[in-house]
Amino acid sequence: MEKRVEQNIDRVLESLSSQLYIGSVIVGILLSLFGLYVVIRKSEKKSRRMIIIGAICLGLGILALLSGIFQLMTV
């Protein structure tokens, strides 16, 4: 009984893994676009804090995008 439950859980997690990798790619793209928008946009009140936040979002987005792509290539 316990072995069957473990096998069912393993099967569900394996089927979800590729969807999570695709989700990582999508989140990476969205974060990258948002970060790029915040860094590049034209504004009279362009504060240094917003540029740093945009750069962090851009960096995290690129990392999430690359991570998702590499994980999809290994599956």
Foldseek 3Di string as FASTA:
>chain_A
DVVVVVVVVVVVVVVCVLVVLVVLLVQLVVLLVQLVCQQPPDDPPNDPVSPVVSVVSNVSSVVSNVVSVVVNVVD
